[in-house]
Each structure stands twice: as C-alpha cells, then as structure tokens.
C-alpha atoms as a PDB file:
ATOM      1  CA  UNK A   1      -0.123   0.172  -0.017  1.00  0.00           C
ATOM      2  CA  UNK A   2       1.359   3.381  -0.740  1.00  0.00           C
ATOM      3  CA  UNK A   3       1.254   6.126   1.536  1.00  0.00           C
ATOM      4  CA  UNK A   4      -1.420   9.043   0.873  1.00  0.00           C
ATOM      5  CA  UNK A   5      -0.562  12.578   0.485  1.00  0.00           C
ATOM      6  CA  UNK A   6      -1.600  15.068   2.761  1.00  0.00           C
ATOM      7  CA  UNK A   7      -4.175  16.508   0.426  1.00  0.00           C
ATOM      8  CA  UNK A   8      -5.465  12.903  -0.234  1.00  0.00           C
ATOM      9  CA  UNK A   9      -5.882  12.529   3.413  1.00  0.00           C
ATOM     10  CA  UNK A  10      -7.488  16.051   4.009  1.00  0.00           C
ATOM     11  CA  UNK A  11      -9.847  15.306   1.211  1.00  0.00           C
ATOM     12  CA  UNK A  12     -11.494  12.376   2.967  1.00  0.00           C
ATOM     13  CA  UNK A  13     -14.609  13.644   4.616  1.00  0.00           C
ATOM     14  CA  UNK A  14     -15.728  12.778   7.342  1.00  0.00           C
ATOM     15  CA  UNK A  15     -12.258  11.218   8.460  1.00  0.00           C
ATOM     16  CA  UNK A  16     -12.547   7.646   9.157  1.00  0.00           C
ATOM     17  CA  UNK A  17     -10.255   5.976  11.915  1.00  0.00           C
ATOM     18  CA  UNK A  18      -8.076   4.514   9.130  1.00  0.00           C
ATOM     19  CA  UNK A  19      -7.596   7.802   7.677  1.00  0.00           C
ATOM     20  CA  UNK A  20      -6.838   9.604  11.154  1.00  0.00           C
ATOM     21  CA  UNK A  21      -4.258   6.678  11.869  1.00  0.00           C
ATOM     22  CA  UNK A  22      -2.654   7.126   8.447  1.00  0.00           C
ATOM     23  CA  UNK A  23      -2.253  10.766   9.183  1.00  0.00           C
ATOM     24  CA  UNK A  24      -0.416  10.116  12.277  1.00  0.00           C
ATOM     25  CA  UNK A  25      -3.093  10.446  15.000  1.00  0.00           C
ATOM     26  CA  UNK A  26      -3.637   7.992  17.794  1.00  0.00           C
ATOM     27  CA  UNK A  27      -6.988   7.228  19.324  1.00  0.00           C
ATOM     28  CA  UNK A  28      -8.338   9.569  22.048  1.00  0.00           C
ATOM     29  CA  UNK A  29     -11.315  10.962  23.724  1.00  0.00           C
ATOM     30  CA  UNK A  30     -12.526  14.380  22.535  1.00  0.00           C
ATOM     31  CA  UNK A  31     -12.071  15.711  25.858  1.00  0.00           C
ATOM     32  CA  UNK A  32      -8.240  14.765  25.884  1.00  0.00           C
ATOM     33  CA  UNK A  33      -8.062  16.334  22.316  1.00  0.00           C
ATOM     34  CA  UNK A  34      -9.528  19.578  23.560  1.00  0.00           C
ATOM     35  CA  UNK A  35      -7.075  19.630  26.722  1.00  0.00           C
ATOM     36  CA  UNK A  36      -4.210  18.973  24.114  1.00  0.00           C
ATOM     37  CA  UNK A  37      -5.425  21.976  22.049  1.00  0.00           C
ATOM     38  CA  UNK A  38      -5.589  24.340  24.831  1.00  0.00           C
ATOM     39  CA  UNK A  39      -2.225  23.353  26.092  1.00  0.00           C
ATOM     40  CA  UNK A  40      -0.910  23.882  22.670  1.00  0.00           C
ATOM     41  CA  UNK A  41      -2.602  27.280  22.464  1.00  0.00           C
ATOM     42  CA  UNK A  42      -0.874  28.315  25.730  1.00  0.00           C
ATOM     43  CA  UNK A  43       2.485  26.961  24.744  1.00  0.00           C
ATOM     44  CA  UNK A  44       2.276  23.756  26.763  1.00  0.00           C
ATOM     45  CA  UNK A  45       1.898  25.608  30.077  1.00  0.00           C
ATOM     46  CA  UNK A  46      -0.939  24.128  32.258  1.00  0.00           C
ATOM     47  CA  UNK A  47      -1.067  27.308  34.445  1.00  0.00           C
ATOM     48  CA  UNK A  48      -1.616  29.368  31.515  1.00  0.00           C
ATOM     49  CA  UNK A  49      -4.600  27.184  30.453  1.00  0.00           C
ATOM     50  CA  UNK A  50      -6.142  27.506  34.122  1.00  0.00           C
ATOM     51  CA  UNK A  51      -5.715  31.184  33.737  1.00  0.00           C
ATOM     52  CA  UNK A  52      -7.110  31.324  30.134  1.00  0.00           C
ATOM     53  CA  UNK A  53      -9.459  34.472  29.718  1.00  0.00           C
ATOM     54  CA  UNK A  54     -10.507  33.663  26.214  1.00  0.00           C
ATOM     55  CA  UNK A  55     -14.094  33.139  27.465  1.00  0.00           C
ATOM     56  CA  UNK A  56     -15.511  33.407  23.924  1.00  0.00           C
ATOM     57  CA  UNK A  57     -13.460  30.423  22.634  1.00  0.00           C
ATOM     58  CA  UNK A  58     -15.728  27.345  22.087  1.00  0.00           C
ATOM     59  CA  UNK A  59     -13.186  25.091  23.945  1.00  0.00           C
ATOM     60  CA  UNK A  60     -12.975  27.524  27.086  1.00  0.00           C
ATOM     61  CA  UNK A  61     -15.396  25.607  29.239  1.00  0.00           C
ATOM     62  CA  UNK A  62     -13.898  22.398  28.513  1.00  0.00           C
ATOM     63  CA  UNK A  63     -10.184  23.412  28.904  1.00  0.00           C
ATOM     64  CA  UNK A  64      -9.508  21.581  32.228  1.00  0.00           C
ATOM     65  CA  UNK A  65     -10.181  18.225  30.255  1.00  0.00           C
ATOM     66  CA  UNK A  66     -13.586  17.644  31.836  1.00  0.00           C
ATOM     67  CA  UNK A  67     -17.164  18.238  30.571  1.00  0.00           C
ATOM     68  CA  UNK A  68     -18.861  20.835  32.544  1.00  0.00           C
ATOM     69  CA  UNK A  69     -22.476  19.906  31.686  1.00  0.00           C
ATOM     70  CA  UNK A  70     -22.593  16.494  32.585  1.00  0.00           C
ATOM     71  CA  UNK A  71     -24.301  16.035  35.948  1.00  0.00           C
ATOM     72  CA  UNK A  72     -21.371  13.962  37.189  1.00  0.00           C
ATOM     73  CA  UNK A  73     -18.852  16.823  36.569  1.00  0.00           C
ATOM     74  CA  UNK A  74     -21.038  19.632  38.229  1.00  0.00           C
ATOM     75  CA  UNK A  75     -19.503  21.849  40.774  1.00  0.00           C
ATOM     76  CA  UNK A  76     -20.545  21.501  44.110  1.00  0.00           C
ATOM     77  CA  UNK A  77     -24.240  22.955  44.791  1.00  0.00           C
ATOM     78  CA  UNK A  78     -23.520  26.021  46.638  1.00  0.00           C
ATOM     79  CA  UNK A  79     -21.064  27.136  43.885  1.00  0.00           C
ATOM     80  CA  UNK A  80     -23.645  26.300  41.315  1.00  0.00           C
ATOM     81  CA  UNK A  81     -26.334  28.317  43.211  1.00  0.00           C
ATOM     82  CA  UNK A  82     -24.161  31.541  43.438  1.00  0.00           C
ATOM     83  CA  UNK A  83     -23.611  31.265  39.694  1.00  0.00           C
ATOM     84  CA  UNK A  84     -27.279  30.853  38.894  1.00  0.00           C
ATOM     85  CA  UNK A  85     -28.045  33.588  41.144  1.00  0.00           C
ATOM     86  CA  UNK A  86     -25.688  36.039  39.631  1.00  0.00           C
ATOM     87  CA  UNK A  87     -27.045  35.035  36.097  1.00  0.00           C
ATOM     88  CA  UNK A  88     -30.588  35.856  37.113  1.00  0.00           C
ATOM     89  CA  UNK A  89     -29.696  39.477  38.543  1.00  0.00           C
END
C-alpha cells in the first residue's frame, strides 16, 4: 500500500479512524483532544490554560479536560447556586 499524501488524507470527509491513523493520529477521547489543543494554544503551560481569559473560545469551558455540563462533573451545589443567582440578576 502506498502512503497517501496530505491532500488525499485531508480530502476524506468525514475522516475515518483509518484515515486519522494514516495521518499519524492515535485514538483519544474528544476531551483529551480539547485539553491538548488548549495546552498547544498556551505554549504547553498548564498554568496558562487554567488562567485562560479567552471566554469566547468554544473550547474554554472544556479546557480542564472535563465536561462541565454533565451531572457527574457539576461543581458543588453552593457554587452552582451562586452562579445561577448572579445570572438571574
């Protein structure tokens, strides 16, 4: 089998697992991929990811590598209540 060119790989839409592997990617969760992108954006500095102020970035809520909207990941109840009260004001 001949290796595909970058253009050939990019033209496969949607990309399949085989195409991703051929492009050099390994299997990973979307949350891990988002965390890696945030680290890339912040020059590999976890402290900069934590301090990120790009609140309009679509990845910002996920930058810790956890999903903020699932019940298992919700912050403690008092903290959520304070946030909801501030939103209502």
